[in-house]
């Protein structure tokens, strides 16, 4: 997982680890001034934030329309009933098909055969 961070020169950089600014530091006038200065640099470089920051759901009936780059597309399935269920919607009984299945397990550098019992 990577984070996009805006540098002091309003140049995006990528980092794999970040730390949040403590709440008490966010209340300091000096840090507020630095944040406002950075926001002004970002606006000067990239312009104002888009006002339409929505998600657009496509369907088969949509005409070929061009969406702005900042709008996140969301695709509707061709058959809504064929959607994959969420992990939380699974019932424990759905895993009964694994009972009595034979599996290979590593043990002491060798593979041994095991049977699912429950």
N, C-alpha and C. Protein backbone atom coordinates (compact mmCIF):
# COMPACT_ATOMS: atom_id res chain seq x y z
N UNK A 1 0.85 -1.16 0.00
CA UNK A 1 0.00 0.00 0.00
C UNK A 1 0.90 1.23 0.00
N UNK A 2 0.60 2.18 -0.86
CA UNK A 2 1.39 3.40 -0.96
C UNK A 2 0.50 4.61 -0.74
N UNK A 3 1.11 5.68 -0.30
CA UNK A 3 0.42 6.94 -0.06
C UNK A 3 1.01 8.00 -0.98
N UNK A 4 0.15 8.83 -1.55
CA UNK A 4 0.59 9.98 -2.33
C UNK A 4 0.63 11.17 -1.39
N UNK A 5 1.79 11.79 -1.29
CA UNK A 5 1.99 12.91 -0.38
C UNK A 5 2.37 14.13 -1.21
N UNK A 6 1.85 15.28 -0.83
CA UNK A 6 2.18 16.51 -1.52
C UNK A 6 3.36 17.16 -0.80
N UNK A 7 4.45 17.39 -1.54
CA UNK A 7 5.64 18.00 -0.93
C UNK A 7 5.44 19.51 -0.81
N UNK A 8 6.41 20.17 -0.21
CA UNK A 8 6.32 21.62 -0.02
C UNK A 8 6.32 22.38 -1.34
N UNK A 9 6.81 21.75 -2.41
CA UNK A 9 6.82 22.40 -3.72
C UNK A 9 5.60 22.01 -4.54
N UNK A 10 4.62 21.40 -3.91
CA UNK A 10 3.38 20.95 -4.55
C UNK A 10 3.66 19.89 -5.61
N UNK A 11 4.66 19.06 -5.35
CA UNK A 11 5.00 17.94 -6.23
C UNK A 11 4.60 16.66 -5.51
N UNK A 12 3.73 15.84 -6.11
CA UNK A 12 3.33 14.60 -5.44
C UNK A 12 4.49 13.61 -5.38
N UNK A 13 4.65 12.97 -4.23
CA UNK A 13 5.65 11.92 -4.05
C UNK A 13 4.94 10.71 -3.44
N UNK A 14 5.54 9.54 -3.61
CA UNK A 14 4.94 8.30 -3.13
C UNK A 14 5.77 7.76 -1.96
N UNK A 15 5.09 7.36 -0.90
CA UNK A 15 5.74 6.78 0.26
C UNK A 15 4.94 5.56 0.72
N UNK A 16 5.65 4.57 1.22
CA UNK A 16 4.96 3.36 1.69
C UNK A 16 4.62 3.43 3.17
N UNK A 17 5.19 4.38 3.88
CA UNK A 17 4.83 4.52 5.29
C UNK A 17 4.69 6.01 5.61
N UNK A 18 3.66 6.32 6.36
CA UNK A 18 3.39 7.69 6.77
C UNK A 18 2.96 7.69 8.23
N UNK A 19 3.03 8.86 8.85
CA UNK A 19 2.56 9.01 10.22
C UNK A 19 1.60 10.19 10.25
N UNK A 20 0.49 10.06 10.94
CA UNK A 20 -0.44 11.19 11.03
C UNK A 20 0.14 12.29 11.91
N UNK A 21 -0.31 13.51 11.67
CA UNK A 21 0.09 14.64 12.50
C UNK A 21 -0.76 14.58 13.77
N UNK A 22 -0.13 14.63 14.95
CA UNK A 22 -0.91 14.59 16.19
C UNK A 22 -1.91 15.75 16.26
N UNK A 23 -3.06 15.51 16.88
CA UNK A 23 -4.12 16.53 16.96
C UNK A 23 -3.64 17.80 17.63
N UNK A 24 -2.83 17.66 18.67
CA UNK A 24 -2.37 18.86 19.37
C UNK A 24 -1.45 19.71 18.49
N UNK A 25 -0.73 19.07 17.57
CA UNK A 25 0.12 19.83 16.65
C UNK A 25 -0.71 20.56 15.60
N UNK A 26 -1.85 19.97 15.23
CA UNK A 26 -2.72 20.61 14.23
C UNK A 26 -3.31 21.92 14.74
N UNK A 27 -3.33 22.11 16.05
CA UNK A 27 -3.87 23.34 16.63
C UNK A 27 -2.85 24.48 16.68
N UNK A 28 -1.58 24.19 16.40
CA UNK A 28 -0.54 25.21 16.45
C UNK A 28 -0.68 26.18 15.27
N UNK A 29 -0.56 27.48 15.55
CA UNK A 29 -0.70 28.49 14.51
C UNK A 29 0.36 28.35 13.43
N UNK A 30 1.57 27.95 13.82
CA UNK A 30 2.66 27.80 12.85
C UNK A 30 2.34 26.71 11.83
N UNK A 31 1.81 25.58 12.32
CA UNK A 31 1.46 24.48 11.42
C UNK A 31 0.26 24.85 10.55
N UNK A 32 -0.71 25.56 11.12
CA UNK A 32 -1.86 26.01 10.32
C UNK A 32 -1.39 26.91 9.18
N UNK A 33 -0.43 27.78 9.45
CA UNK A 33 0.10 28.67 8.41
C UNK A 33 0.82 27.86 7.33
N UNK A 34 1.57 26.81 7.72
CA UNK A 34 2.25 25.96 6.74
C UNK A 34 1.23 25.21 5.87
N UNK A 35 0.17 24.72 6.49
CA UNK A 35 -0.86 24.00 5.74
C UNK A 35 -1.55 24.93 4.75
N UNK A 36 -1.89 26.14 5.19
CA UNK A 36 -2.53 27.11 4.29
C UNK A 36 -1.61 27.49 3.14
N UNK A 37 -0.31 27.65 3.41
CA UNK A 37 0.65 27.97 2.36
C UNK A 37 0.73 26.83 1.35
N UNK A 38 0.73 25.58 1.83
CA UNK A 38 0.77 24.43 0.94
C UNK A 38 -0.50 24.35 0.10
N UNK A 39 -1.65 24.60 0.71
CA UNK A 39 -2.91 24.58 -0.04
C UNK A 39 -2.90 25.64 -1.15
N UNK A 40 -2.33 26.81 -0.88
CA UNK A 40 -2.24 27.85 -1.91
C UNK A 40 -1.32 27.42 -3.05
N UNK A 41 -0.20 26.76 -2.73
CA UNK A 41 0.71 26.26 -3.77
C UNK A 41 0.01 25.21 -4.63
N UNK A 42 -0.76 24.35 -3.98
CA UNK A 42 -1.48 23.30 -4.71
C UNK A 42 -2.51 23.93 -5.65
N UNK A 43 -3.26 24.93 -5.15
CA UNK A 43 -4.25 25.61 -6.00
C UNK A 43 -3.58 26.33 -7.16
N UNK A 44 -2.42 26.93 -6.90
CA UNK A 44 -1.70 27.64 -7.96
C UNK A 44 -1.21 26.66 -9.03
N UNK A 45 -0.80 25.47 -8.61
CA UNK A 45 -0.26 24.51 -9.57
C UNK A 45 -1.35 23.71 -10.29
N UNK A 46 -2.37 23.29 -9.55
CA UNK A 46 -3.37 22.40 -10.12
C UNK A 46 -4.74 23.04 -10.33
N UNK A 47 -4.98 24.21 -9.81
CA UNK A 47 -6.28 24.86 -9.93
C UNK A 47 -7.20 24.45 -8.80
N UNK A 48 -8.43 24.93 -8.88
CA UNK A 48 -9.42 24.64 -7.84
C UNK A 48 -9.84 23.18 -7.89
N UNK A 49 -10.29 22.66 -6.76
CA UNK A 49 -10.79 21.30 -6.69
C UNK A 49 -12.08 21.20 -7.49
N UNK A 50 -12.31 20.07 -8.16
CA UNK A 50 -13.57 19.91 -8.89
C UNK A 50 -14.75 19.91 -7.93
N UNK A 51 -15.83 20.54 -8.34
CA UNK A 51 -17.01 20.58 -7.48
C UNK A 51 -17.83 19.30 -7.61
N UNK A 52 -17.74 18.61 -8.75
CA UNK A 52 -18.48 17.37 -8.98
C UNK A 52 -17.57 16.20 -8.65
N UNK A 53 -17.55 15.80 -7.39
CA UNK A 53 -16.68 14.72 -6.94
C UNK A 53 -17.52 13.49 -6.65
N UNK A 54 -18.25 13.04 -7.65
CA UNK A 54 -19.19 11.95 -7.42
C UNK A 54 -18.72 10.66 -8.09
N UNK A 55 -19.48 9.62 -7.86
CA UNK A 55 -19.23 8.33 -8.51
C UNK A 55 -20.30 8.14 -9.56
N UNK A 56 -19.89 7.81 -10.76
CA UNK A 56 -20.82 7.61 -11.86
C UNK A 56 -20.98 6.11 -12.09
N UNK A 57 -22.22 5.64 -12.07
CA UNK A 57 -22.49 4.23 -12.31
C UNK A 57 -22.88 4.04 -13.78
N UNK A 58 -22.10 3.20 -14.46
CA UNK A 58 -22.38 2.92 -15.86
C UNK A 58 -23.48 1.86 -15.96
N UNK A 59 -24.22 1.92 -17.03
CA UNK A 59 -25.14 0.84 -17.34
C UNK A 59 -25.06 0.60 -18.84
N UNK A 60 -25.67 -0.46 -19.31
CA UNK A 60 -25.62 -0.78 -20.73
C UNK A 60 -26.38 0.25 -21.57
N UNK A 61 -27.29 1.00 -20.96
CA UNK A 61 -28.09 1.97 -21.70
C UNK A 61 -27.37 3.31 -21.87
N UNK A 62 -26.25 3.51 -21.17
CA UNK A 62 -25.53 4.78 -21.26
C UNK A 62 -24.96 4.97 -22.65
N UNK A 63 -25.03 6.19 -23.11
CA UNK A 63 -24.36 6.51 -24.36
C UNK A 63 -22.88 6.71 -24.03
N UNK A 64 -22.06 6.76 -25.06
CA UNK A 64 -20.63 6.97 -24.86
C UNK A 64 -20.40 8.41 -24.45
N UNK A 65 -20.32 8.63 -23.17
CA UNK A 65 -20.10 9.98 -22.68
C UNK A 65 -18.72 10.06 -22.03
N UNK A 66 -18.10 11.20 -22.15
CA UNK A 66 -16.79 11.38 -21.54
C UNK A 66 -16.96 11.97 -20.15
N UNK A 67 -16.35 11.32 -19.19
CA UNK A 67 -16.41 11.80 -17.82
C UNK A 67 -15.12 12.52 -17.48
N UNK A 68 -15.19 13.52 -16.62
CA UNK A 68 -13.96 14.16 -16.18
C UNK A 68 -13.06 13.17 -15.46
N UNK A 69 -11.76 13.44 -15.44
CA UNK A 69 -10.80 12.52 -14.83
C UNK A 69 -11.03 12.32 -13.34
N UNK A 70 -11.63 13.29 -12.66
CA UNK A 70 -11.77 13.19 -11.22
C UNK A 70 -12.99 12.38 -10.80
N UNK A 71 -13.84 11.97 -11.73
CA UNK A 71 -15.03 11.18 -11.39
C UNK A 71 -14.66 9.70 -11.44
N UNK A 72 -14.97 8.98 -10.37
CA UNK A 72 -14.64 7.57 -10.27
C UNK A 72 -15.74 6.74 -10.93
N UNK A 73 -15.40 5.95 -11.96
CA UNK A 73 -16.44 5.13 -12.59
C UNK A 73 -16.75 3.91 -11.75
N UNK A 74 -18.00 3.53 -11.78
CA UNK A 74 -18.45 2.32 -11.09
C UNK A 74 -19.29 1.55 -12.11
N UNK A 75 -18.96 0.30 -12.36
CA UNK A 75 -19.62 -0.45 -13.41
C UNK A 75 -20.75 -1.30 -12.86
N UNK A 76 -21.89 -1.25 -13.52
CA UNK A 76 -23.04 -2.07 -13.14
C UNK A 76 -22.89 -3.42 -13.83
N UNK A 77 -23.15 -4.52 -13.15
CA UNK A 77 -23.02 -5.84 -13.78
C UNK A 77 -24.12 -6.05 -14.82
N UNK A 78 -23.81 -6.88 -15.82
CA UNK A 78 -24.81 -7.17 -16.85
C UNK A 78 -26.00 -7.90 -16.25
N UNK A 79 -25.74 -8.80 -15.32
CA UNK A 79 -26.80 -9.53 -14.64
C UNK A 79 -26.69 -9.24 -13.15
N UNK A 80 -27.50 -8.32 -12.63
CA UNK A 80 -27.36 -7.92 -11.22
C UNK A 80 -27.44 -9.08 -10.23
N UNK A 81 -28.15 -10.15 -10.59
CA UNK A 81 -28.29 -11.28 -9.68
C UNK A 81 -27.02 -12.13 -9.62
N UNK A 82 -26.09 -11.91 -10.56
CA UNK A 82 -24.87 -12.72 -10.58
C UNK A 82 -23.73 -12.08 -9.81
N UNK A 83 -24.02 -11.03 -9.05
CA UNK A 83 -22.97 -10.38 -8.27
C UNK A 83 -22.43 -11.33 -7.22
N UNK A 84 -21.13 -11.24 -6.97
CA UNK A 84 -20.52 -12.06 -5.93
C UNK A 84 -20.98 -11.56 -4.57
N UNK A 85 -21.40 -12.43 -3.70
CA UNK A 85 -21.85 -11.99 -2.38
C UNK A 85 -20.69 -11.47 -1.55
N UNK A 86 -20.99 -10.59 -0.64
CA UNK A 86 -19.98 -10.08 0.27
C UNK A 86 -19.53 -11.19 1.22
N UNK A 87 -18.33 -11.07 1.72
CA UNK A 87 -17.78 -12.09 2.62
C UNK A 87 -18.63 -12.23 3.87
N UNK A 88 -19.20 -11.12 4.34
CA UNK A 88 -20.01 -11.17 5.55
C UNK A 88 -21.36 -11.86 5.33
N UNK A 89 -21.77 -12.01 4.06
CA UNK A 89 -23.05 -12.62 3.76
C UNK A 89 -22.99 -14.15 3.69
N UNK A 90 -21.80 -14.74 3.78
CA UNK A 90 -21.66 -16.18 3.70
C UNK A 90 -22.13 -16.83 4.99
N UNK A 91 -22.78 -17.95 4.84
CA UNK A 91 -23.23 -18.73 5.98
C UNK A 91 -22.21 -19.83 6.26
N UNK A 92 -22.03 -20.24 7.49
CA UNK A 92 -21.06 -21.31 7.79
C UNK A 92 -21.35 -22.60 7.04
N UNK A 93 -22.61 -22.85 6.73
CA UNK A 93 -22.96 -24.08 6.02
C UNK A 93 -22.34 -24.12 4.62
N UNK A 94 -21.99 -22.97 4.08
CA UNK A 94 -21.41 -22.93 2.74
C UNK A 94 -20.05 -23.61 2.71
N UNK A 95 -19.40 -23.74 3.85
CA UNK A 95 -18.09 -24.36 3.90
C UNK A 95 -18.16 -25.87 4.14
N UNK A 96 -19.37 -26.45 4.25
CA UNK A 96 -19.51 -27.89 4.46
C UNK A 96 -18.91 -28.69 3.31
N UNK A 97 -18.79 -28.10 2.14
CA UNK A 97 -18.25 -28.84 1.00
C UNK A 97 -16.78 -29.18 1.20
N UNK A 98 -16.09 -28.53 2.14
CA UNK A 98 -14.69 -28.81 2.39
C UNK A 98 -14.50 -29.99 3.36
N UNK A 99 -15.56 -30.37 4.05
CA UNK A 99 -15.46 -31.49 4.98
C UNK A 99 -15.19 -32.76 4.19
N UNK A 100 -14.24 -33.53 4.64
CA UNK A 100 -13.75 -34.79 4.06
C UNK A 100 -12.86 -34.55 2.84
N UNK A 101 -12.51 -33.29 2.56
CA UNK A 101 -11.57 -33.03 1.47
C UNK A 101 -10.17 -33.38 1.94
N UNK A 102 -9.35 -33.90 1.03
CA UNK A 102 -7.97 -34.23 1.37
C UNK A 102 -7.08 -33.05 0.96
N UNK A 103 -6.19 -32.66 1.88
CA UNK A 103 -5.29 -31.53 1.62
C UNK A 103 -3.87 -31.95 1.93
N UNK A 104 -2.93 -31.28 1.27
CA UNK A 104 -1.51 -31.51 1.54
C UNK A 104 -1.01 -30.41 2.46
N UNK A 105 -0.34 -30.80 3.52
CA UNK A 105 0.16 -29.85 4.51
C UNK A 105 1.66 -30.05 4.70
N UNK A 106 2.41 -28.94 4.83
CA UNK A 106 3.85 -29.09 5.08
C UNK A 106 4.10 -29.46 6.54
N UNK A 107 5.01 -30.42 6.74
CA UNK A 107 5.38 -30.82 8.11
C UNK A 107 6.80 -31.36 8.10
N UNK A 108 7.68 -30.72 8.85
CA UNK A 108 9.09 -31.12 8.94
C UNK A 108 9.76 -31.21 7.57
N UNK A 109 9.44 -30.26 6.71
CA UNK A 109 10.06 -30.23 5.39
C UNK A 109 9.46 -31.19 4.39
N UNK A 110 8.47 -31.94 4.79
CA UNK A 110 7.79 -32.88 3.89
C UNK A 110 6.33 -32.51 3.81
N UNK A 111 5.66 -33.02 2.78
CA UNK A 111 4.21 -32.81 2.67
C UNK A 111 3.51 -34.07 3.16
N UNK A 112 2.51 -33.86 4.00
CA UNK A 112 1.71 -34.98 4.47
C UNK A 112 0.27 -34.75 4.03
N UNK A 113 -0.49 -35.82 3.92
CA UNK A 113 -1.87 -35.74 3.52
C UNK A 113 -2.75 -35.62 4.77
N UNK A 114 -3.70 -34.71 4.73
CA UNK A 114 -4.63 -34.56 5.82
C UNK A 114 -6.06 -34.53 5.31
N UNK A 115 -7.01 -34.75 6.19
CA UNK A 115 -8.42 -34.74 5.83
C UNK A 115 -9.14 -33.70 6.68
N UNK A 116 -9.95 -32.88 6.05
CA UNK A 116 -10.73 -31.86 6.76
C UNK A 116 -11.85 -32.58 7.50
N UNK A 117 -11.92 -32.38 8.81
CA UNK A 117 -12.95 -33.06 9.60
C UNK A 117 -14.01 -32.10 10.13
N UNK A 118 -13.75 -30.83 10.11
CA UNK A 118 -14.75 -29.89 10.63
C UNK A 118 -14.35 -28.45 10.39
